[in-house]
Amino acid sequence: MPAATRTDPSAGWFASALRYHRAGRITDAEAVYRRILVLDPGHAGSLHNLGLIAHQFGHTAAAVDLLAKAVAADGRHADWYNNLALVLLSVGQAAAAEAACRQSLGLKPNHPDALVNLGAALQLLGRLDEAESVLRRTVSLRPRDPQAHANLGNVLILMGQTEQAVEAWRKAVAIQPDQPAAQHNLERALNDLGRPDEAAEVRQRAQSNRTED
């Protein structure tokens, strides 16, 4: 969430809204953001944070609209473009998500979250070679990111590179064991490779993790 600035005429209200937002008082924060927009419809910070709230509560169309207005009003924030991309991906708008990711990366070339989301967008668009390249760059920049490894596995399996996909999913679940999708994909790939004992170990480990939770 962006910080208030002295040049913002609504700075006092915005600072209050941020305090509410960070404290989890979402209804109060939303009310103040909307009050700011009555006076200043182009207040970028309020548009952005209302977009985050809309996404949090599943109002995806509103989230896309608000976040798009936010970056149109103030296009200096890599995180804002990435947030827009994330919401666009959630509704399958891969081309628009790709564009938002590239805007984010134009501002911050090694933004790891934007790279992960760009890889996901390229996968949805069927541009698997590009997706692989982006995700390999991501895991080199952030080797402890389980989602990046999991997404790389997803792309590699589509490319027919099952052994490499297994390696990627193993890394994902080693970093974060509670990843049902990656665990399932890993188990299935090991069975497809004729390694049922290893697949059974993955399944047993997943069941153990669920029991501990």
N, C-alpha and C. Protein backbone atom coordinates (compact mmCIF):
# COMPACT_ATOMS: atom_id res chain seq x y z
N MET A 1 0.84 -1.19 0.00
CA MET A 1 0.00 0.00 0.00
C MET A 1 0.87 1.24 0.00
N PRO A 2 0.56 2.22 -0.85
CA PRO A 2 1.41 3.40 -0.94
C PRO A 2 1.26 4.28 0.28
N ALA A 3 2.30 4.99 0.62
CA ALA A 3 2.27 5.91 1.74
C ALA A 3 1.72 7.27 1.29
N ALA A 4 1.16 8.01 2.22
CA ALA A 4 0.65 9.34 1.91
C ALA A 4 1.80 10.31 1.68
N THR A 5 1.56 11.36 0.92
CA THR A 5 2.57 12.38 0.67
C THR A 5 2.02 13.73 1.08
N ARG A 6 2.93 14.65 1.36
CA ARG A 6 2.51 15.97 1.81
C ARG A 6 1.79 16.75 0.73
N THR A 7 2.09 16.46 -0.53
CA THR A 7 1.48 17.22 -1.62
C THR A 7 0.05 16.77 -1.90
N ASP A 8 -0.37 15.68 -1.33
CA ASP A 8 -1.72 15.17 -1.54
C ASP A 8 -2.69 15.94 -0.65
N PRO A 9 -3.67 16.64 -1.24
CA PRO A 9 -4.61 17.41 -0.41
C PRO A 9 -5.44 16.54 0.51
N SER A 10 -5.56 15.27 0.19
CA SER A 10 -6.31 14.34 1.04
C SER A 10 -5.38 13.51 1.91
N ALA A 11 -4.18 14.02 2.16
CA ALA A 11 -3.16 13.23 2.84
C ALA A 11 -3.61 12.75 4.21
N GLY A 12 -4.30 13.61 4.95
CA GLY A 12 -4.73 13.22 6.30
C GLY A 12 -5.71 12.06 6.26
N TRP A 13 -6.68 12.15 5.38
CA TRP A 13 -7.67 11.07 5.25
C TRP A 13 -7.00 9.80 4.75
N PHE A 14 -6.11 9.96 3.79
CA PHE A 14 -5.46 8.78 3.23
C PHE A 14 -4.61 8.08 4.28
N ALA A 15 -3.91 8.86 5.09
CA ALA A 15 -3.11 8.26 6.16
C ALA A 15 -4.00 7.49 7.13
N SER A 16 -5.17 8.04 7.42
CA SER A 16 -6.11 7.34 8.31
C SER A 16 -6.59 6.05 7.67
N ALA A 17 -6.92 6.13 6.38
CA ALA A 17 -7.38 4.93 5.68
C ALA A 17 -6.31 3.85 5.68
N LEU A 18 -5.06 4.24 5.49
CA LEU A 18 -3.97 3.27 5.52
C LEU A 18 -3.84 2.61 6.89
N ARG A 19 -4.00 3.40 7.93
CA ARG A 19 -3.93 2.82 9.29
C ARG A 19 -5.04 1.80 9.49
N TYR A 20 -6.25 2.14 9.06
CA TYR A 20 -7.37 1.19 9.16
C TYR A 20 -7.06 -0.08 8.36
N HIS A 21 -6.57 0.13 7.14
CA HIS A 21 -6.31 -0.99 6.23
C HIS A 21 -5.27 -1.94 6.84
N ARG A 22 -4.18 -1.38 7.32
CA ARG A 22 -3.10 -2.19 7.88
C ARG A 22 -3.51 -2.88 9.17
N ALA A 23 -4.49 -2.30 9.86
CA ALA A 23 -4.99 -2.90 11.10
C ALA A 23 -6.08 -3.93 10.85
N GLY A 24 -6.44 -4.12 9.57
CA GLY A 24 -7.48 -5.09 9.24
C GLY A 24 -8.89 -4.55 9.35
N ARG A 25 -9.03 -3.24 9.56
CA ARG A 25 -10.36 -2.63 9.64
C ARG A 25 -10.79 -2.23 8.23
N ILE A 26 -11.10 -3.25 7.44
CA ILE A 26 -11.29 -3.05 6.01
C ILE A 26 -12.50 -2.17 5.70
N THR A 27 -13.60 -2.37 6.43
CA THR A 27 -14.80 -1.57 6.17
C THR A 27 -14.53 -0.09 6.41
N ASP A 28 -13.83 0.21 7.50
CA ASP A 28 -13.49 1.61 7.80
C ASP A 28 -12.55 2.17 6.73
N ALA A 29 -11.56 1.39 6.34
CA ALA A 29 -10.63 1.85 5.32
C ALA A 29 -11.35 2.13 4.01
N GLU A 30 -12.21 1.21 3.61
CA GLU A 30 -12.94 1.38 2.35
C GLU A 30 -13.79 2.65 2.38
N ALA A 31 -14.42 2.92 3.50
CA ALA A 31 -15.27 4.11 3.60
C ALA A 31 -14.45 5.38 3.41
N VAL A 32 -13.26 5.42 3.99
CA VAL A 32 -12.42 6.62 3.87
C VAL A 32 -11.87 6.75 2.45
N TYR A 33 -11.43 5.63 1.86
CA TYR A 33 -10.97 5.70 0.47
C TYR A 33 -12.07 6.26 -0.43
N ARG A 34 -13.30 5.80 -0.22
CA ARG A 34 -14.40 6.27 -1.08
C ARG A 34 -14.71 7.75 -0.81
N ARG A 35 -14.55 8.15 0.43
CA ARG A 35 -14.75 9.57 0.75
C ARG A 35 -13.72 10.43 0.02
N ILE A 36 -12.48 9.94 -0.06
CA ILE A 36 -11.43 10.67 -0.78
C ILE A 36 -11.79 10.78 -2.26
N LEU A 37 -12.31 9.69 -2.84
CA LEU A 37 -12.62 9.70 -4.26
C LEU A 37 -13.78 10.61 -4.61
N VAL A 38 -14.64 10.89 -3.65
CA VAL A 38 -15.71 11.87 -3.89
C VAL A 38 -15.10 13.24 -4.18
N LEU A 39 -14.06 13.58 -3.41
CA LEU A 39 -13.39 14.88 -3.59
C LEU A 39 -12.36 14.84 -4.72
N ASP A 40 -11.72 13.70 -4.89
CA ASP A 40 -10.65 13.58 -5.88
C ASP A 40 -10.78 12.23 -6.59
N PRO A 41 -11.60 12.16 -7.65
CA PRO A 41 -11.88 10.88 -8.32
C PRO A 41 -10.64 10.20 -8.90
N GLY A 42 -9.58 10.95 -9.10
CA GLY A 42 -8.36 10.38 -9.65
C GLY A 42 -7.30 10.08 -8.62
N HIS A 43 -7.67 10.02 -7.35
CA HIS A 43 -6.69 9.75 -6.30
C HIS A 43 -6.17 8.32 -6.46
N ALA A 44 -4.94 8.20 -6.94
CA ALA A 44 -4.41 6.91 -7.37
C ALA A 44 -4.29 5.92 -6.22
N GLY A 45 -3.81 6.37 -5.08
CA GLY A 45 -3.64 5.47 -3.95
C GLY A 45 -4.95 4.87 -3.48
N SER A 46 -5.99 5.69 -3.44
CA SER A 46 -7.29 5.18 -3.02
C SER A 46 -7.86 4.21 -4.05
N LEU A 47 -7.70 4.52 -5.33
CA LEU A 47 -8.16 3.61 -6.38
C LEU A 47 -7.45 2.26 -6.26
N HIS A 48 -6.15 2.30 -6.08
CA HIS A 48 -5.38 1.07 -5.97
C HIS A 48 -5.82 0.23 -4.77
N ASN A 49 -5.92 0.86 -3.62
CA ASN A 49 -6.23 0.10 -2.41
C ASN A 49 -7.67 -0.40 -2.40
N LEU A 50 -8.57 0.35 -3.01
CA LEU A 50 -9.93 -0.16 -3.18
C LEU A 50 -9.93 -1.36 -4.12
N GLY A 51 -9.05 -1.33 -5.11
CA GLY A 51 -8.93 -2.48 -6.00
C GLY A 51 -8.46 -3.72 -5.26
N LEU A 52 -7.52 -3.54 -4.34
CA LEU A 52 -7.06 -4.67 -3.53
C LEU A 52 -8.19 -5.21 -2.66
N ILE A 53 -8.97 -4.31 -2.09
CA ILE A 53 -10.09 -4.74 -1.25
C ILE A 53 -11.12 -5.49 -2.09
N ALA A 54 -11.42 -4.96 -3.27
CA ALA A 54 -12.39 -5.62 -4.15
C ALA A 54 -11.93 -7.03 -4.49
N HIS A 55 -10.65 -7.17 -4.80
CA HIS A 55 -10.11 -8.50 -5.13
C HIS A 55 -10.18 -9.43 -3.92
N GLN A 56 -9.87 -8.89 -2.75
CA GLN A 56 -9.90 -9.68 -1.52
C GLN A 56 -11.27 -10.30 -1.29
N PHE A 57 -12.32 -9.56 -1.66
CA PHE A 57 -13.68 -10.03 -1.41
C PHE A 57 -14.33 -10.64 -2.66
N GLY A 58 -13.51 -10.92 -3.67
CA GLY A 58 -14.00 -11.64 -4.83
C GLY A 58 -14.74 -10.81 -5.85
N HIS A 59 -14.63 -9.49 -5.77
CA HIS A 59 -15.31 -8.62 -6.74
C HIS A 59 -14.31 -8.31 -7.86
N THR A 60 -14.09 -9.28 -8.72
CA THR A 60 -12.98 -9.21 -9.66
C THR A 60 -13.14 -8.11 -10.70
N ALA A 61 -14.33 -7.96 -11.24
CA ALA A 61 -14.53 -6.93 -12.27
C ALA A 61 -14.25 -5.54 -11.69
N ALA A 62 -14.74 -5.30 -10.48
CA ALA A 62 -14.48 -4.02 -9.83
C ALA A 62 -12.99 -3.85 -9.56
N ALA A 63 -12.32 -4.94 -9.15
CA ALA A 63 -10.89 -4.87 -8.87
C ALA A 63 -10.11 -4.49 -10.11
N VAL A 64 -10.42 -5.12 -11.23
CA VAL A 64 -9.73 -4.80 -12.48
C VAL A 64 -9.95 -3.34 -12.85
N ASP A 65 -11.18 -2.88 -12.76
CA ASP A 65 -11.50 -1.49 -13.10
C ASP A 65 -10.74 -0.51 -12.22
N LEU A 66 -10.73 -0.75 -10.92
CA LEU A 66 -10.08 0.16 -9.98
C LEU A 66 -8.56 0.16 -10.16
N LEU A 67 -7.98 -1.02 -10.31
CA LEU A 67 -6.54 -1.10 -10.46
C LEU A 67 -6.09 -0.50 -11.79
N ALA A 68 -6.88 -0.70 -12.84
CA ALA A 68 -6.55 -0.09 -14.13
C ALA A 68 -6.60 1.43 -14.04
N LYS A 69 -7.59 1.95 -13.32
CA LYS A 69 -7.67 3.40 -13.13
C LYS A 69 -6.49 3.90 -12.31
N ALA A 70 -6.06 3.11 -11.33
CA ALA A 70 -4.94 3.52 -10.47
C ALA A 70 -3.66 3.67 -11.29
N VAL A 71 -3.34 2.68 -12.12
CA VAL A 71 -2.10 2.77 -12.89
C VAL A 71 -2.20 3.81 -13.99
N ALA A 72 -3.42 4.08 -14.45
CA ALA A 72 -3.59 5.16 -15.43
C ALA A 72 -3.35 6.52 -14.78
N ALA A 73 -3.75 6.64 -13.51
CA ALA A 73 -3.56 7.90 -12.80
C ALA A 73 -2.13 8.10 -12.35
N ASP A 74 -1.43 7.00 -12.03
CA ASP A 74 -0.05 7.09 -11.56
C ASP A 74 0.67 5.81 -11.97
N GLY A 75 1.42 5.89 -13.02
CA GLY A 75 2.07 4.72 -13.59
C GLY A 75 3.48 4.48 -13.11
N ARG A 76 3.80 4.94 -11.91
CA ARG A 76 5.18 4.84 -11.42
C ARG A 76 5.43 3.63 -10.53
N HIS A 77 4.42 2.81 -10.27
CA HIS A 77 4.54 1.76 -9.26
C HIS A 77 4.54 0.37 -9.89
N ALA A 78 5.68 -0.30 -9.83
CA ALA A 78 5.78 -1.65 -10.38
C ALA A 78 4.81 -2.60 -9.69
N ASP A 79 4.66 -2.46 -8.38
CA ASP A 79 3.77 -3.35 -7.63
C ASP A 79 2.32 -3.21 -8.08
N TRP A 80 1.92 -2.00 -8.44
CA TRP A 80 0.53 -1.78 -8.84
C TRP A 80 0.23 -2.53 -10.15
N TYR A 81 1.14 -2.43 -11.12
CA TYR A 81 0.95 -3.17 -12.36
C TYR A 81 0.92 -4.67 -12.09
N ASN A 82 1.78 -5.13 -11.19
CA ASN A 82 1.79 -6.55 -10.87
C ASN A 82 0.48 -6.97 -10.21
N ASN A 83 -0.05 -6.15 -9.33
CA ASN A 83 -1.34 -6.47 -8.71
C ASN A 83 -2.45 -6.56 -9.74
N LEU A 84 -2.42 -5.65 -10.70
CA LEU A 84 -3.39 -5.70 -11.79
C LEU A 84 -3.23 -7.00 -12.57
N ALA A 85 -1.99 -7.38 -12.87
CA ALA A 85 -1.74 -8.62 -13.60
C ALA A 85 -2.27 -9.83 -12.85
N LEU A 86 -2.08 -9.84 -11.54
CA LEU A 86 -2.53 -10.97 -10.73
C LEU A 86 -4.04 -11.14 -10.82
N VAL A 87 -4.76 -10.03 -10.74
CA VAL A 87 -6.22 -10.10 -10.83
C VAL A 87 -6.65 -10.52 -12.23
N LEU A 88 -5.99 -9.99 -13.24
CA LEU A 88 -6.33 -10.37 -14.62
C LEU A 88 -6.10 -11.87 -14.84
N LEU A 89 -5.03 -12.40 -14.28
CA LEU A 89 -4.77 -13.84 -14.39
C LEU A 89 -5.87 -14.66 -13.74
N SER A 90 -6.41 -14.14 -12.64
CA SER A 90 -7.43 -14.90 -11.91
C SER A 90 -8.70 -15.09 -12.72
N VAL A 91 -8.89 -14.26 -13.75
CA VAL A 91 -10.06 -14.41 -14.61
C VAL A 91 -9.66 -14.80 -16.04
N GLY A 92 -8.43 -15.26 -16.20
CA GLY A 92 -7.99 -15.80 -17.48
C GLY A 92 -7.70 -14.78 -18.56
N GLN A 93 -7.54 -13.51 -18.19
CA GLN A 93 -7.22 -12.49 -19.19
C GLN A 93 -5.70 -12.43 -19.37
N ALA A 94 -5.18 -13.46 -20.02
CA ALA A 94 -3.73 -13.64 -20.08
C ALA A 94 -3.02 -12.54 -20.87
N ALA A 95 -3.59 -12.11 -21.98
CA ALA A 95 -2.93 -11.09 -22.79
C ALA A 95 -2.82 -9.77 -22.03
N ALA A 96 -3.90 -9.39 -21.38
CA ALA A 96 -3.88 -8.16 -20.59
C ALA A 96 -2.93 -8.31 -19.40
N ALA A 97 -2.90 -9.51 -18.81
CA ALA A 97 -1.99 -9.76 -17.70
C ALA A 97 -0.54 -9.65 -18.15
N GLU A 98 -0.24 -10.20 -19.33
CA GLU A 98 1.12 -10.09 -19.86
C GLU A 98 1.52 -8.62 -20.00
N ALA A 99 0.61 -7.82 -20.56
CA ALA A 99 0.92 -6.40 -20.75
C ALA A 99 1.19 -5.71 -19.41
N ALA A 100 0.38 -6.02 -18.40
CA ALA A 100 0.58 -5.41 -17.08
C ALA A 100 1.90 -5.86 -16.46
N CYS A 101 2.25 -7.14 -16.63
CA CYS A 101 3.53 -7.63 -16.11
C CYS A 101 4.70 -6.91 -16.77
N ARG A 102 4.60 -6.72 -18.07
CA ARG A 102 5.71 -6.07 -18.78
C ARG A 102 5.83 -4.60 -18.37
N GLN A 103 4.71 -3.96 -18.06
CA GLN A 103 4.77 -2.60 -17.52
C GLN A 103 5.49 -2.61 -16.17
N SER A 104 5.14 -3.59 -15.34
CA SER A 104 5.79 -3.71 -14.03
C SER A 104 7.29 -3.92 -14.19
N LEU A 105 7.67 -4.83 -15.09
CA LEU A 105 9.09 -5.14 -15.29
C LEU A 105 9.84 -4.00 -15.96
N GLY A 106 9.12 -3.17 -16.70
CA GLY A 106 9.75 -1.98 -17.25
C GLY A 106 10.19 -1.01 -16.16
N LEU A 107 9.46 -1.02 -15.07
CA LEU A 107 9.80 -0.15 -13.93
C LEU A 107 10.79 -0.82 -12.98
N LYS A 108 10.69 -2.15 -12.88
CA LYS A 108 11.55 -2.91 -11.96
C LYS A 108 11.89 -4.23 -12.65
N PRO A 109 12.98 -4.26 -13.41
CA PRO A 109 13.25 -5.39 -14.31
C PRO A 109 13.32 -6.76 -13.64
N ASN A 110 13.73 -6.83 -12.41
CA ASN A 110 13.85 -8.13 -11.74
C ASN A 110 12.77 -8.33 -10.68
N HIS A 111 11.60 -7.72 -10.89
CA HIS A 111 10.50 -7.88 -9.94
C HIS A 111 10.09 -9.35 -9.94
N PRO A 112 10.38 -10.10 -8.87
CA PRO A 112 10.15 -11.55 -8.92
C PRO A 112 8.68 -11.94 -9.06
N ASP A 113 7.79 -11.22 -8.40
CA ASP A 113 6.37 -11.56 -8.50
C ASP A 113 5.85 -11.30 -9.91
N ALA A 114 6.31 -10.21 -10.52
CA ALA A 114 5.89 -9.92 -11.89
C ALA A 114 6.43 -10.97 -12.86
N LEU A 115 7.63 -11.48 -12.59
CA LEU A 115 8.17 -12.54 -13.44
C LEU A 115 7.36 -13.82 -13.30
N VAL A 116 6.98 -14.17 -12.07
CA VAL A 116 6.14 -15.36 -11.86
C VAL A 116 4.83 -15.21 -12.62
N ASN A 117 4.21 -14.04 -12.49
CA ASN A 117 2.93 -13.82 -13.15
C ASN A 117 3.07 -13.76 -14.67
N LEU A 118 4.19 -13.22 -15.14
CA LEU A 118 4.43 -13.20 -16.59
C LEU A 118 4.57 -14.63 -17.11
N GLY A 119 5.28 -15.47 -16.36
CA GLY A 119 5.40 -16.87 -16.76
C GLY A 119 4.04 -17.55 -16.84
N ALA A 120 3.18 -17.26 -15.86
CA ALA A 120 1.84 -17.85 -15.87
C ALA A 120 1.03 -17.35 -17.06
N ALA A 121 1.15 -16.07 -17.37
CA ALA A 121 0.41 -15.51 -18.50
C ALA A 121 0.88 -16.12 -19.82
N LEU A 122 2.18 -16.25 -19.97
CA LEU A 122 2.73 -16.84 -21.19
C LEU A 122 2.32 -18.29 -21.33
N GLN A 123 2.25 -19.01 -20.21
CA GLN A 123 1.77 -20.40 -20.26
C GLN A 123 0.34 -20.45 -20.77
N LEU A 124 -0.52 -19.58 -20.24
CA LEU A 124 -1.91 -19.57 -20.68
C LEU A 124 -2.03 -19.21 -22.16
N LEU A 125 -1.10 -18.40 -22.64
CA LEU A 125 -1.11 -18.00 -24.05
C LEU A 125 -0.47 -19.04 -24.95
N GLY A 126 0.03 -20.12 -24.36
CA GLY A 126 0.64 -21.18 -25.15
C GLY A 126 2.05 -20.90 -25.61
N ARG A 127 2.67 -19.89 -25.06
CA ARG A 127 4.05 -19.52 -25.45
C ARG A 127 5.01 -20.14 -24.43
N LEU A 128 5.15 -21.46 -24.53
CA LEU A 128 5.81 -22.22 -23.48
C LEU A 128 7.30 -21.97 -23.41
N ASP A 129 7.97 -21.80 -24.54
CA ASP A 129 9.41 -21.53 -24.51
C ASP A 129 9.69 -20.23 -23.77
N GLU A 130 8.87 -19.21 -24.05
CA GLU A 130 9.04 -17.93 -23.36
C GLU A 130 8.73 -18.07 -21.87
N ALA A 131 7.69 -18.82 -21.56
CA ALA A 131 7.33 -19.03 -20.16
C ALA A 131 8.45 -19.72 -19.41
N GLU A 132 9.04 -20.75 -20.03
CA GLU A 132 10.15 -21.46 -19.38
C GLU A 132 11.32 -20.51 -19.11
N SER A 133 11.66 -19.71 -20.11
CA SER A 133 12.78 -18.77 -19.96
C SER A 133 12.54 -17.80 -18.81
N VAL A 134 11.32 -17.26 -18.75
CA VAL A 134 10.99 -16.30 -17.69
C VAL A 134 11.04 -16.97 -16.32
N LEU A 135 10.51 -18.18 -16.21
CA LEU A 135 10.46 -18.84 -14.92
C LEU A 135 11.84 -19.33 -14.48
N ARG A 136 12.69 -19.72 -15.41
CA ARG A 136 14.06 -20.06 -15.03
C ARG A 136 14.79 -18.83 -14.52
N ARG A 137 14.54 -17.71 -15.14
CA ARG A 137 15.11 -16.45 -14.63
C ARG A 137 14.60 -16.16 -13.23
N THR A 138 13.33 -16.45 -13.00
CA THR A 138 12.73 -16.18 -11.69
C THR A 138 13.38 -17.04 -10.61
N VAL A 139 13.53 -18.34 -10.86
CA VAL A 139 14.09 -19.21 -9.82
C VAL A 139 15.57 -18.92 -9.59
N SER A 140 16.25 -18.37 -10.59
CA SER A 140 17.64 -17.98 -10.37
C SER A 140 17.72 -16.74 -9.47
N LEU A 141 16.72 -15.86 -9.62
CA LEU A 141 16.68 -14.66 -8.79
C LEU A 141 16.15 -14.95 -7.39
N ARG A 142 15.20 -15.89 -7.30
CA ARG A 142 14.57 -16.19 -6.02
C ARG A 142 14.45 -17.70 -5.86
N PRO A 143 15.56 -18.36 -5.55
CA PRO A 143 15.57 -19.83 -5.53
C PRO A 143 14.72 -20.46 -4.44
N ARG A 144 14.27 -19.68 -3.47
CA ARG A 144 13.44 -20.22 -2.40
C ARG A 144 11.96 -19.90 -2.60
N ASP A 145 11.58 -19.57 -3.81
CA ASP A 145 10.18 -19.26 -4.11
C ASP A 145 9.48 -20.54 -4.58
N PRO A 146 8.64 -21.16 -3.74
CA PRO A 146 8.02 -22.42 -4.14
C PRO A 146 7.09 -22.29 -5.33
N GLN A 147 6.39 -21.15 -5.43
CA GLN A 147 5.45 -20.99 -6.55
C GLN A 147 6.18 -20.90 -7.88
N ALA A 148 7.34 -20.26 -7.88
CA ALA A 148 8.11 -20.17 -9.12
C ALA A 148 8.53 -21.56 -9.59
N HIS A 149 9.00 -22.39 -8.67
CA HIS A 149 9.40 -23.76 -9.03
C HIS A 149 8.18 -24.57 -9.50
N ALA A 150 7.06 -24.41 -8.79
CA ALA A 150 5.85 -25.14 -9.17
C ALA A 150 5.38 -24.74 -10.56
N ASN A 151 5.38 -23.43 -10.84
CA ASN A 151 4.96 -22.96 -12.16
C ASN A 151 5.91 -23.44 -13.25
N LEU A 152 7.21 -23.47 -12.93
CA LEU A 152 8.17 -23.98 -13.91
C LEU A 152 7.87 -25.45 -14.22
N GLY A 153 7.55 -26.22 -13.19
CA GLY A 153 7.17 -27.61 -13.41
C GLY A 153 5.95 -27.72 -14.31
N ASN A 154 4.98 -26.86 -14.09
CA ASN A 154 3.75 -26.89 -14.90
C ASN A 154 4.05 -26.64 -16.38
N VAL A 155 4.98 -25.72 -16.63
CA VAL A 155 5.34 -25.43 -18.02
C VAL A 155 6.14 -26.59 -18.63
N LEU A 156 7.09 -27.12 -17.86
CA LEU A 156 7.94 -28.18 -18.39
C LEU A 156 7.14 -29.43 -18.74
N ILE A 157 6.14 -29.76 -17.93
CA ILE A 157 5.35 -30.96 -18.24
C ILE A 157 4.56 -30.78 -19.53
N LEU A 158 4.11 -29.55 -19.79
CA LEU A 158 3.41 -29.27 -21.04
C LEU A 158 4.35 -29.37 -22.25
N MET A 159 5.64 -29.15 -21.99
CA MET A 159 6.63 -29.23 -23.05
C MET A 159 7.16 -30.65 -23.23
N GLY A 160 6.63 -31.59 -22.44
CA GLY A 160 7.06 -32.97 -22.54
C GLY A 160 8.36 -33.27 -21.82
N GLN A 161 8.81 -32.35 -20.98
CA GLN A 161 10.07 -32.52 -20.25
C GLN A 161 9.75 -33.02 -18.83
N THR A 162 9.34 -34.27 -18.75
CA THR A 162 8.80 -34.81 -17.50
C THR A 162 9.87 -34.87 -16.40
N GLU A 163 11.06 -35.31 -16.73
CA GLU A 163 12.12 -35.41 -15.71
C GLU A 163 12.43 -34.04 -15.11
N GLN A 164 12.51 -33.04 -15.97
CA GLN A 164 12.80 -31.70 -15.47
C GLN A 164 11.61 -31.15 -14.67
N ALA A 165 10.40 -31.51 -15.08
CA ALA A 165 9.22 -31.09 -14.32
C ALA A 165 9.24 -31.69 -12.92
N VAL A 166 9.61 -32.97 -12.83
CA VAL A 166 9.72 -33.64 -11.54
C VAL A 166 10.72 -32.91 -10.65
N GLU A 167 11.85 -32.55 -11.22
CA GLU A 167 12.87 -31.83 -10.46
C GLU A 167 12.32 -30.51 -9.91
N ALA A 168 11.59 -29.79 -10.77
CA ALA A 168 11.03 -28.50 -10.35
C ALA A 168 10.00 -28.68 -9.24
N TRP A 169 9.11 -29.67 -9.39
CA TRP A 169 8.09 -29.89 -8.36
C TRP A 169 8.71 -30.39 -7.06
N ARG A 170 9.78 -31.20 -7.16
CA ARG A 170 10.46 -31.64 -5.93
C ARG A 170 10.99 -30.44 -5.16
N LYS A 171 11.57 -29.49 -5.87
CA LYS A 171 12.08 -28.29 -5.21
C LYS A 171 10.94 -27.50 -4.58
N ALA A 172 9.82 -27.41 -5.28
CA ALA A 172 8.68 -26.64 -4.76
C ALA A 172 8.19 -27.22 -3.45
N VAL A 173 7.99 -28.53 -3.39
CA VAL A 173 7.44 -29.15 -2.18
C VAL A 173 8.49 -29.26 -1.08
N ALA A 174 9.77 -29.27 -1.45
CA ALA A 174 10.82 -29.26 -0.44
C ALA A 174 10.84 -27.93 0.29
N ILE A 175 10.59 -26.85 -0.45
CA ILE A 175 10.58 -25.52 0.15
C ILE A 175 9.30 -25.30 0.95
N GLN A 176 8.17 -25.72 0.37
CA GLN A 176 6.86 -25.54 1.01
C GLN A 176 6.07 -26.84 0.85
N PRO A 177 6.13 -27.72 1.85
CA PRO A 177 5.48 -29.03 1.72
C PRO A 177 3.97 -28.96 1.47
N ASP A 178 3.32 -27.94 1.99
CA ASP A 178 1.87 -27.85 1.85
C ASP A 178 1.52 -27.21 0.51
N GLN A 179 1.73 -27.95 -0.56
CA GLN A 179 1.38 -27.52 -1.91
C GLN A 179 0.66 -28.68 -2.59
N PRO A 180 -0.64 -28.82 -2.36
CA PRO A 180 -1.35 -29.99 -2.90
C PRO A 180 -1.22 -30.17 -4.40
N ALA A 181 -1.29 -29.08 -5.15
CA ALA A 181 -1.23 -29.21 -6.61
C ALA A 181 0.14 -29.73 -7.05
N ALA A 182 1.21 -29.16 -6.49
CA ALA A 182 2.55 -29.60 -6.86
C ALA A 182 2.79 -31.04 -6.42
N GLN A 183 2.29 -31.40 -5.24
CA GLN A 183 2.43 -32.78 -4.77
C GLN A 183 1.71 -33.76 -5.70
N HIS A 184 0.49 -33.39 -6.08
CA HIS A 184 -0.29 -34.26 -6.97
C HIS A 184 0.40 -34.40 -8.32
N ASN A 185 0.89 -33.28 -8.86
CA ASN A 185 1.57 -33.32 -10.15
C ASN A 185 2.84 -34.16 -10.08
N LEU A 186 3.57 -34.02 -8.98
CA LEU A 186 4.80 -34.78 -8.81
C LEU A 186 4.50 -36.27 -8.73
N GLU A 187 3.50 -36.64 -7.95
CA GLU A 187 3.13 -38.05 -7.82
C GLU A 187 2.72 -38.64 -9.17
N ARG A 188 1.90 -37.90 -9.90
CA ARG A 188 1.43 -38.39 -11.20
C ARG A 188 2.58 -38.55 -12.19
N ALA A 189 3.50 -37.56 -12.20
CA ALA A 189 4.63 -37.62 -13.13
C ALA A 189 5.54 -38.79 -12.80
N LEU A 190 5.76 -39.05 -11.52
CA LEU A 190 6.61 -40.19 -11.14
C LEU A 190 5.97 -41.51 -11.56
N ASN A 191 4.65 -41.61 -11.42
CA ASN A 191 3.96 -42.81 -11.89
C ASN A 191 4.10 -42.96 -13.41
N ASP A 192 3.98 -41.84 -14.11
CA ASP A 192 4.12 -41.88 -15.57
C ASP A 192 5.53 -42.31 -15.99
N LEU A 193 6.52 -42.00 -15.15
CA LEU A 193 7.90 -42.38 -15.45
C LEU A 193 8.21 -43.81 -15.01
N GLY A 194 7.21 -44.51 -14.46
CA GLY A 194 7.43 -45.87 -14.02
C GLY A 194 8.18 -45.96 -12.71
N ARG A 195 7.96 -44.98 -11.84
CA ARG A 195 8.65 -44.95 -10.55
C ARG A 195 7.59 -44.91 -9.44
N PRO A 196 6.80 -45.99 -9.30
CA PRO A 196 5.68 -45.98 -8.36
C PRO A 196 6.10 -45.88 -6.89
N ASP A 197 7.28 -46.43 -6.55
CA ASP A 197 7.72 -46.35 -5.16
C ASP A 197 7.96 -44.90 -4.75
N GLU A 198 8.58 -44.13 -5.64
CA GLU A 198 8.81 -42.72 -5.35
C GLU A 198 7.49 -41.96 -5.30
N ALA A 199 6.57 -42.32 -6.19
CA ALA A 199 5.25 -41.68 -6.18
C ALA A 199 4.53 -41.96 -4.87
N ALA A 200 4.64 -43.19 -4.39
CA ALA A 200 4.00 -43.54 -3.12
C ALA A 200 4.60 -42.76 -1.96
N GLU A 201 5.90 -42.53 -1.99
CA GLU A 201 6.55 -41.72 -0.94
C GLU A 201 6.00 -40.30 -0.95
N VAL A 202 5.82 -39.75 -2.13
CA VAL A 202 5.27 -38.39 -2.24
C VAL A 202 3.86 -38.36 -1.66
N ARG A 203 3.05 -39.36 -2.01
CA ARG A 203 1.68 -39.42 -1.51
C ARG A 203 1.65 -39.56 0.01
N GLN A 204 2.49 -40.42 0.54
CA GLN A 204 2.53 -40.62 1.99
C GLN A 204 2.98 -39.36 2.72
N ARG A 205 3.96 -38.66 2.15
CA ARG A 205 4.42 -37.42 2.75
C ARG A 205 3.32 -36.37 2.74
N ALA A 206 2.58 -36.30 1.65
CA ALA A 206 1.46 -35.35 1.57
C ALA A 206 0.40 -35.67 2.60
N GLN A 207 0.08 -36.96 2.76
CA GLN A 207 -0.91 -37.36 3.76
C GLN A 207 -0.43 -37.05 5.16
N SER A 208 0.86 -37.24 5.41
CA SER A 208 1.43 -36.92 6.72
C SER A 208 1.34 -35.43 7.01
N ASN A 209 1.60 -34.63 6.01
CA ASN A 209 1.52 -33.17 6.18
C ASN A 209 0.09 -32.75 6.51
N ARG A 210 -0.89 -33.36 5.83
CA ARG A 210 -2.29 -33.03 6.10
C ARG A 210 -2.68 -33.45 7.52
N THR A 211 -2.17 -34.60 7.97
CA THR A 211 -2.48 -35.06 9.32
C THR A 211 -1.92 -34.13 10.38
N GLU A 212 -0.69 -33.65 10.14
CA GLU A 212 -0.06 -32.74 11.09
C GLU A 212 -0.80 -31.42 11.16
N ASP A 213 -1.37 -30.98 10.03
CA ASP A 213 -2.15 -29.73 10.04
C ASP A 213 -3.43 -29.90 10.84
